[in-house]
Protein backbone atom coordinates (compact mmCIF):
# COMPACT_ATOMS: atom_id res chain seq x y z
CA MET A 1 42.97 5.05 14.36
CA LYS A 2 40.53 3.25 12.04
CA ILE A 3 38.14 5.37 9.98
CA LEU A 4 35.04 4.36 8.04
CA VAL A 5 34.47 6.65 5.04
CA ILE A 6 30.91 6.87 3.71
CA ASN A 7 29.77 8.43 0.43
CA SER A 8 25.97 8.26 0.26
CA GLY A 9 24.06 8.64 -3.01
CA SER A 10 20.33 8.64 -3.58
CA SER A 11 20.26 4.87 -4.17
CA SER A 12 23.86 3.90 -3.45
CA LEU A 13 26.43 3.95 -0.66
CA LYS A 14 30.19 3.67 -1.20
CA TYR A 15 32.48 2.91 1.71
CA GLN A 16 36.12 2.44 2.63
CA PHE A 17 37.60 1.32 5.93
CA ILE A 18 41.06 2.79 6.41
CA ASP A 19 43.77 2.21 8.99
CA MET A 20 45.28 5.68 9.39
CA GLU A 21 48.44 4.38 11.07
CA THR A 22 49.44 2.47 7.93
CA ASN A 23 47.20 4.27 5.36
CA ASP A 24 45.99 0.81 4.30
CA VAL A 25 42.48 0.37 2.90
CA LEU A 26 41.42 -2.70 4.87
CA ALA A 27 38.09 -3.08 3.08
CA LYS A 28 35.87 -1.19 0.68
CA GLY A 29 32.65 -1.70 -1.16
CA LEU A 30 29.45 -0.44 -2.71
CA CYS A 31 25.80 -0.89 -1.85
CA GLU A 32 23.66 -0.28 -4.92
CA ARG A 33 19.96 -0.06 -5.76
CA ILE A 34 18.95 0.93 -2.22
CA GLY A 35 15.17 1.05 -2.03
CA ILE A 36 14.85 -1.04 -5.19
CA ASP A 37 16.23 -4.57 -4.86
CA GLY A 38 19.75 -4.14 -3.49
CA VAL A 39 23.26 -5.37 -4.35
CA ILE A 40 26.44 -5.24 -2.28
CA THR A 41 29.99 -5.60 -3.55
CA HIS A 42 32.59 -5.94 -0.80
CA LYS A 43 36.34 -6.12 -1.21
CA LYS A 44 38.75 -7.14 1.53
CA SER A 45 42.47 -6.76 1.02
CA GLY A 46 43.96 -10.13 0.09
CA ALA A 47 40.60 -11.88 -0.36
CA GLU A 48 38.25 -12.61 -3.24
CA ASP A 49 35.54 -10.05 -3.93
CA TYR A 50 32.14 -10.69 -2.40
CA LYS A 51 29.00 -9.75 -4.35
CA LYS A 52 25.44 -10.58 -3.43
CA GLU A 53 21.89 -9.44 -4.14
CA VAL A 54 20.27 -8.42 -0.90
CA ASP A 55 17.09 -6.56 0.04
CA LEU A 56 18.03 -3.00 1.03
CA LYS A 57 14.96 -0.91 1.79
CA SER A 58 16.82 2.07 3.24
CA HIS A 59 20.20 3.62 3.98
CA ASP A 60 19.80 2.33 7.55
CA GLU A 61 19.77 -1.23 6.22
CA ALA A 62 22.71 -0.50 3.91
CA ILE A 63 24.81 0.83 6.81
CA GLN A 64 23.81 -2.16 8.93
CA LEU A 65 24.94 -4.48 6.13
CA VAL A 66 28.26 -2.65 5.79
CA LEU A 67 28.91 -3.01 9.51
CA SER A 68 28.03 -6.71 9.33
CA MET A 69 30.43 -7.24 6.43
CA LEU A 70 33.23 -5.47 8.30
CA GLN A 71 32.72 -7.91 11.18
CA ASP A 72 32.10 -11.02 9.06
CA ASP A 73 34.19 -14.08 9.95
CA THR A 74 35.36 -14.51 6.34
CA TYR A 75 35.21 -11.06 4.76
CA GLY A 76 35.49 -8.86 7.83
CA VAL A 77 38.47 -6.93 9.16
CA ILE A 78 37.32 -6.12 12.71
CA LYS A 79 35.81 -8.10 15.60
CA SER A 80 33.58 -5.33 16.90
CA ILE A 81 32.05 -1.99 15.92
CA ASP A 82 34.05 -0.57 18.83
CA GLU A 83 37.12 -0.74 16.56
CA ILE A 84 35.63 2.00 14.35
CA ASP A 85 37.02 5.21 15.81
CA ALA A 86 35.07 7.64 13.64
CA VAL A 87 33.03 7.90 10.46
CA GLY A 88 33.77 10.44 7.73
CA HIS A 89 30.95 11.46 5.40
CA ARG A 90 31.45 13.04 2.01
CA ILE A 91 28.94 15.89 1.74
CA ALA A 92 28.73 17.80 -1.53
CA HIS A 93 27.45 21.06 -0.08
CA GLY A 94 28.12 22.92 3.15
CA GLY A 95 26.33 26.12 2.19
CA GLU A 96 27.40 29.43 3.68
CA LYS A 97 27.80 28.12 7.23
CA LEU A 98 29.77 24.86 7.05
CA LYS A 99 32.97 26.12 5.47
CA GLU A 100 35.33 23.49 6.84
CA SER A 101 35.18 19.85 7.86
CA ALA A 102 33.36 19.39 11.16
CA VAL A 103 32.11 16.86 13.69
CA ILE A 104 28.39 16.90 12.91
CA LYS A 105 26.31 18.15 15.83
CA ASP A 106 22.52 18.43 16.00
CA GLU A 107 22.61 22.06 14.85
CA ASP A 108 24.78 21.14 11.87
CA LEU A 109 22.32 18.45 10.84
CA GLU A 110 19.49 20.97 11.11
CA TYR A 111 21.43 23.35 8.87
CA LEU A 112 22.01 20.61 6.29
CA TYR A 113 18.26 20.02 6.21
CA SER A 114 17.76 23.74 5.55
CA ILE A 115 20.07 23.79 2.49
CA GLN A 116 18.86 20.61 0.80
CA ASN A 117 17.48 22.65 -2.10
CA LEU A 118 21.00 23.88 -2.92
CA ALA A 119 22.04 20.32 -3.84
CA PRO A 120 18.87 18.19 -3.97
CA LEU A 121 20.63 15.19 -5.51
CA HIS A 122 23.50 15.11 -3.04
CA VAL A 123 22.66 16.53 0.40
CA PRO A 124 19.55 14.44 1.28
CA PRO A 125 21.38 11.10 0.83
CA ALA A 126 24.29 12.40 2.91
CA ILE A 127 21.86 13.28 5.69
CA LYS A 128 20.43 9.76 5.51
CA GLY A 129 23.91 8.29 5.83
CA ILE A 130 24.75 10.42 8.87
CA GLU A 131 21.48 9.62 10.61
CA ALA A 132 21.85 5.89 9.91
CA CYS A 133 25.38 5.85 11.36
CA ARG A 134 24.24 7.78 14.42
CA LYS A 135 21.57 5.17 15.12
CA LEU A 136 23.87 2.21 14.72
CA MET A 137 27.07 3.63 16.22
CA ASP A 138 26.01 5.67 19.20
CA GLY A 139 28.83 7.86 20.46
CA VAL A 140 31.11 7.37 17.44
CA PRO A 141 32.05 10.80 15.98
CA GLN A 142 30.37 11.55 12.67
CA VAL A 143 32.47 13.98 10.63
CA GLY A 144 31.25 15.88 7.59
CA VAL A 145 33.78 16.71 4.87
CA PHE A 146 32.32 19.19 2.40
CA ASP A 147 33.21 19.47 -1.28
CA THR A 148 32.50 23.20 -1.07
CA SER A 149 34.76 23.96 1.90
CA PHE A 150 37.96 24.13 -0.16
CA TYR A 151 36.54 27.25 -1.82
CA SER A 152 35.93 29.17 1.39
CA THR A 153 39.19 31.03 0.66
CA MET A 154 37.86 32.63 -2.53
CA GLU A 155 37.44 36.40 -2.53
CA PRO A 156 33.97 37.94 -3.06
CA GLU A 157 34.84 39.00 -6.61
CA SER A 158 35.25 35.31 -7.41
CA TYR A 159 32.09 34.00 -5.79
CA VAL A 160 29.49 36.80 -5.92
CA TYR A 161 27.45 36.75 -9.12
CA PRO A 162 26.62 40.08 -10.82
CA LEU A 163 22.95 39.74 -9.91
CA PRO A 164 20.98 41.89 -7.45
CA TYR A 165 23.03 41.58 -4.26
CA GLU A 166 19.93 40.66 -2.28
CA LEU A 167 19.86 37.27 -4.04
CA TYR A 168 23.17 36.50 -2.39
CA GLU A 169 22.29 38.00 0.99
CA GLU A 170 18.81 36.51 1.29
CA HIS A 171 19.02 33.31 -0.76
CA GLN A 172 22.75 32.43 -0.75
CA ILE A 173 22.95 32.47 -4.55
CA ARG A 174 26.72 32.50 -5.18
CA ARG A 175 29.55 30.44 -6.63
CA TYR A 176 30.25 27.54 -4.29
CA GLY A 177 32.44 25.19 -6.34
CA PHE A 178 32.52 21.41 -6.11
CA HIS A 179 34.98 18.47 -6.22
CA GLY A 180 36.88 20.43 -3.58
CA THR A 181 38.14 17.35 -1.75
CA SER A 182 39.64 16.01 -4.98
CA HIS A 183 41.25 19.33 -5.92
CA ARG A 184 42.67 19.70 -2.41
CA TYR A 185 44.20 16.23 -2.52
CA VAL A 186 45.86 16.46 -5.94
CA ALA A 187 47.16 19.98 -5.32
CA SER A 188 48.79 18.82 -2.08
CA ARG A 189 50.14 15.70 -3.74
CA ALA A 190 51.56 17.76 -6.63
CA ALA A 191 53.54 19.86 -4.17
CA GLU A 192 54.90 16.68 -2.58
CA MET A 193 55.90 15.26 -5.97
CA LEU A 194 57.73 18.48 -6.79
CA GLY A 195 59.42 18.56 -3.39
CA LYS A 196 58.10 22.04 -2.66
CA ASP A 197 55.86 23.75 -0.14
CA ILE A 198 52.39 24.25 -1.63
CA LYS A 199 52.52 27.81 -0.28
CA ASP A 200 55.24 28.51 -2.86
CA LEU A 201 53.28 27.21 -5.85
CA LYS A 202 50.64 28.30 -8.33
CA ILE A 203 48.70 25.22 -9.46
CA ILE A 204 45.77 24.53 -11.78
CA THR A 205 43.99 21.26 -11.07
CA CYS A 206 41.78 19.68 -13.74
CA HIS A 207 39.26 17.17 -12.35
CA LEU A 208 37.92 15.67 -15.57
CA GLY A 209 35.27 12.95 -15.47
CA ASN A 210 31.57 12.60 -16.13
CA GLY A 211 31.40 15.70 -13.95
CA SER A 212 34.33 18.07 -14.44
CA SER A 213 35.75 21.15 -12.78
CA ILE A 214 38.93 23.20 -12.90
CA THR A 215 40.39 25.05 -9.93
CA ALA A 216 43.09 27.67 -9.47
CA VAL A 217 45.18 27.05 -6.33
CA ASP A 218 47.40 30.01 -5.47
CA HIS A 219 49.92 29.37 -2.67
CA GLY A 220 47.77 26.59 -1.23
CA LYS A 221 44.44 28.42 -1.39
CA ALA A 222 41.66 28.01 -3.92
CA VAL A 223 41.11 31.38 -5.60
CA ASP A 224 38.71 30.39 -8.38
CA THR A 225 36.88 27.39 -9.79
CA SER A 226 34.75 26.57 -12.80
CA MET A 227 31.66 25.09 -11.15
CA GLY A 228 29.31 27.57 -9.56
CA PHE A 229 26.00 27.68 -7.69
CA MET A 230 25.40 24.05 -8.60
CA PRO A 231 27.61 21.44 -10.32
CA ASN A 232 26.45 22.43 -13.81
CA GLY A 233 28.71 25.42 -14.47
CA GLY A 234 32.09 25.51 -16.17
CA ILE A 235 33.16 23.19 -18.97
CA LEU A 236 31.16 20.67 -20.98
CA MET A 237 30.61 17.42 -19.06
CA GLY A 238 29.05 14.00 -19.66
CA THR A 239 25.45 15.20 -19.70
CA ARG A 240 25.77 18.74 -18.27
CA CYS A 241 26.14 21.77 -20.50
CA GLY A 242 28.55 23.87 -18.44
CA ASP A 243 28.58 27.64 -19.02
CA ILE A 244 26.03 28.97 -21.49
CA ASP A 245 24.42 32.35 -22.19
CA PRO A 246 21.81 32.66 -19.39
CA SER A 247 19.29 34.20 -21.78
CA ILE A 248 18.99 30.79 -23.46
CA LEU A 249 17.03 29.50 -20.47
CA PRO A 250 14.14 32.01 -20.50
CA TYR A 251 14.10 31.72 -24.31
CA MET A 252 13.54 27.97 -24.00
CA VAL A 253 10.64 28.66 -21.64
CA ASN A 254 9.03 31.66 -23.34
CA ALA A 255 9.70 31.01 -27.02
CA LEU A 256 9.87 27.21 -27.13
CA GLY A 257 7.18 26.57 -24.53
CA MET A 258 9.29 24.35 -22.29
CA SER A 259 8.61 23.99 -18.59
CA GLY A 260 11.24 24.76 -15.97
CA GLU A 261 11.52 21.04 -15.28
CA GLU A 262 12.12 20.30 -18.98
CA VAL A 263 14.82 22.96 -19.15
CA GLU A 264 16.52 21.57 -16.05
CA THR A 265 16.43 18.07 -17.53
CA ILE A 266 18.03 19.32 -20.75
CA ILE A 267 20.91 21.23 -19.12
CA ASN A 268 21.64 18.49 -16.56
CA LYS A 269 20.85 15.21 -18.29
CA LYS A 270 20.70 15.72 -22.05
CA SER A 271 23.54 18.12 -22.81
CA GLY A 272 27.34 17.89 -22.70
CA LEU A 273 29.06 15.08 -24.55
CA LEU A 274 25.74 13.28 -24.96
CA GLY A 275 23.85 16.28 -26.29
CA VAL A 276 26.49 17.42 -28.78
CA SER A 277 27.67 14.02 -30.01
CA GLY A 278 24.31 12.25 -29.96
CA VAL A 279 26.36 9.15 -29.16
CA SER A 280 27.00 8.83 -25.43
CA SER A 281 27.87 10.63 -22.21
CA ASP A 282 30.91 8.36 -21.89
CA ALA A 283 34.05 9.97 -23.32
CA ARG A 284 35.38 6.58 -24.39
CA ASN A 285 32.38 5.94 -26.63
CA VAL A 286 32.58 9.48 -28.00
CA ARG A 287 36.30 9.01 -28.78
CA GLU A 288 35.56 5.78 -30.61
CA ALA A 289 32.83 7.42 -32.68
CA ALA A 290 35.06 10.40 -33.48
CA ALA A 291 37.86 8.08 -34.61
CA GLN A 292 35.38 6.45 -36.98
CA GLY A 293 34.56 9.81 -38.56
CA ASN A 294 31.55 10.97 -36.55
CA GLU A 295 31.80 14.76 -36.88
CA ARG A 296 29.46 15.57 -34.00
CA ALA A 297 31.48 13.33 -31.69
CA ARG A 298 34.68 15.10 -32.70
CA LEU A 299 32.97 18.47 -32.18
CA ALA A 300 32.02 17.42 -28.64
CA GLU A 301 35.66 16.62 -27.91
CA LYS A 302 36.77 19.96 -29.35
CA ILE A 303 34.26 21.89 -27.24
CA LEU A 304 35.54 20.10 -24.13
CA VAL A 305 39.19 20.85 -24.85
CA HIS A 306 38.39 24.43 -25.87
CA GLY A 307 36.65 25.03 -22.55
CA ILE A 308 39.51 23.56 -20.52
CA LYS A 309 42.04 25.74 -22.34
CA LYS A 310 39.97 28.89 -21.73
CA HIS A 311 39.81 28.24 -18.00
CA ILE A 312 43.53 27.47 -17.77
CA GLY A 313 44.37 30.70 -19.59
CA SER A 314 42.09 32.81 -17.40
CA TYR A 315 43.46 31.27 -14.21
CA VAL A 316 47.06 31.90 -15.28
CA ALA A 317 46.10 35.56 -15.75
CA GLU A 318 44.30 35.62 -12.40
CA MET A 319 47.26 34.12 -10.51
CA ASN A 320 49.89 35.99 -12.54
CA GLY A 321 51.74 32.79 -13.37
CA LEU A 322 51.69 29.02 -13.20
CA ASP A 323 54.05 26.39 -11.80
CA CYS A 324 52.07 23.19 -12.30
CA ILE A 325 49.01 21.77 -14.03
CA VAL A 326 47.44 18.55 -12.75
CA PHE A 327 45.10 16.13 -14.54
CA THR A 328 42.94 13.86 -12.39
CA ALA A 329 39.68 11.83 -12.23
CA GLY A 330 38.48 9.28 -14.78
CA LEU A 331 39.10 11.26 -17.97
CA GLY A 332 42.04 13.27 -16.68
CA GLU A 333 43.84 10.18 -15.43
CA ASN A 334 43.08 7.85 -18.33
CA SER A 335 42.76 9.87 -21.53
CA ALA A 336 46.19 10.63 -22.95
CA ASP A 337 44.46 12.21 -25.96
CA VAL A 338 42.60 14.81 -23.91
CA ARG A 339 45.73 15.69 -21.94
CA GLU A 340 47.71 16.09 -25.16
CA TRP A 341 45.05 18.24 -26.84
CA VAL A 342 44.75 20.51 -23.80
CA CYS A 343 48.50 21.11 -23.67
CA GLU A 344 48.90 21.69 -27.42
CA ASN A 345 49.90 25.23 -28.42
CA MET A 346 50.35 26.34 -24.81
CA ASP A 347 54.09 26.95 -25.16
CA TYR A 348 53.66 30.65 -24.54
CA LEU A 349 52.54 29.79 -21.00
CA GLY A 350 55.49 27.45 -20.52
CA ILE A 351 53.25 24.36 -20.79
CA GLN A 352 55.06 21.70 -22.81
CA MET A 353 54.13 18.03 -22.67
CA ASP A 354 56.30 15.07 -23.62
CA ASN A 355 53.79 13.24 -25.81
CA GLU A 356 55.65 9.93 -25.58
CA LYS A 357 55.67 10.04 -21.78
CA ASN A 358 52.03 11.03 -21.84
CA ALA A 359 50.99 8.21 -24.16
CA SER A 360 52.86 5.61 -22.12
CA ALA A 361 51.80 6.88 -18.68
CA PRO A 362 50.39 3.89 -16.74
CA ARG A 363 46.69 4.16 -15.99
CA GLY A 364 45.87 4.75 -12.37
CA GLN A 365 49.39 5.82 -11.46
CA GLU A 366 51.13 9.12 -10.87
CA ALA A 367 53.20 10.42 -13.74
CA ASP A 368 55.26 13.46 -14.68
CA VAL A 369 54.70 14.03 -18.41
CA THR A 370 56.50 17.36 -18.68
CA ALA A 371 58.71 17.84 -21.73
CA GLU A 372 62.37 18.49 -21.15
CA GLY A 373 62.81 22.20 -20.60
CA GLY A 374 59.12 22.77 -19.86
CA LYS A 375 58.73 25.60 -17.36
CA VAL A 376 55.35 24.38 -16.08
CA LYS A 377 55.18 20.88 -14.63
CA VAL A 378 52.46 18.68 -16.15
CA LEU A 379 51.40 15.92 -13.76
CA VAL A 380 48.89 13.07 -13.80
CA ILE A 381 47.70 12.26 -10.27
CA PRO A 382 44.93 9.76 -9.42
CA THR A 383 42.57 11.43 -7.00
CA ASN A 384 42.00 10.02 -3.52
CA GLU A 385 39.05 11.78 -1.96
CA GLU A 386 38.51 8.98 0.53
CA TYR A 387 41.97 9.47 2.02
CA MET A 388 41.38 13.20 2.45
CA ILE A 389 38.04 12.51 4.13
CA ALA A 390 39.69 9.97 6.43
CA LEU A 391 42.52 12.38 7.25
CA ASP A 392 40.14 15.20 8.22
CA THR A 393 37.98 12.74 10.15
CA ALA A 394 40.90 11.35 12.15
CA THR A 395 42.12 14.85 13.02
CA LEU A 396 38.72 16.11 14.15
CA ALA A 397 37.80 12.92 15.98
CA ALA A 398 41.03 13.13 17.98
CA GLN A 399 40.26 16.74 18.90
CA ASP A 400 36.67 15.84 19.84
CA LYS A 401 37.68 13.31 22.51
């Protein structure tokens, strides 16, 4: 079975075309600046990369271009669209109703329209991607894989906020959690690396990138996670503040005279590493500035590590133990410094890292950086959300026939 995986952004569209029999990525690419001027980068296994400026007025045109590239005489990997068995769409939010991956029916699409305000930056582009694929690939199953679905196993005490209960009942204000597809993949892969059944393990997965979240996985089920109602909660991120005292927000409005829009811009786009360091939202630039003596940059790093440690400690208490901690995503996979700082002085929890193994761990590859005698395994695992989306899509498409 061959699966096309689509990840639609507001002005971009990432794609991978995967042969599920061999797990080979036959082709992948990125359409950028949709609705502006348009650029496509297409990569075929064993061939030179293709990049070209092209007019892309809409997601429909981007999808059409992707399909053309997949069938191109030089850069293509199929002869006909008929060779695409199903399309898997990454969707950030499934709300209260879509709690597991699903073949998208008309009623599901209507529901996604109704919850756009829960994730205004993510759900509308996903809808556009689904609708474009429906138009161009009539009859091909369109499967939605939701970042929030991994957290459908959380208990109410983990997802209900201590606000008037009517806000949850009537407006679905609750903890949803995000990056679920990534956390699900690396937790499963960790169990495989350890040669154990995930149902016998207590795992904490740290997805650290420009957006970051931490999840507690107890015997294969997510029991808690750092992100909440929207992807701004939890630890400090590239430009997002993470958890703060909620009274700061009305203070900014009432005492400082800011509008709601200004406050939202600050907590989403001007905070985090950028806001504290004053240097950049990119952890690499912040690390460079800190190494050169920039105290605010070093403070930003310390706040990040401090927040990660707090969540790890609370999740160990919640699960009554820990077998494995996993680092993934751009920062988690590539920053040996952050991994080392997080694991420092965690001996009492059985977390001991071999700093030499950690420093020499190849970028983009799996690694076990546990110190000899360490009771808790410390693993670095590159995430593979596209594979998880393809796997769910193949399973559901087969059932839908």
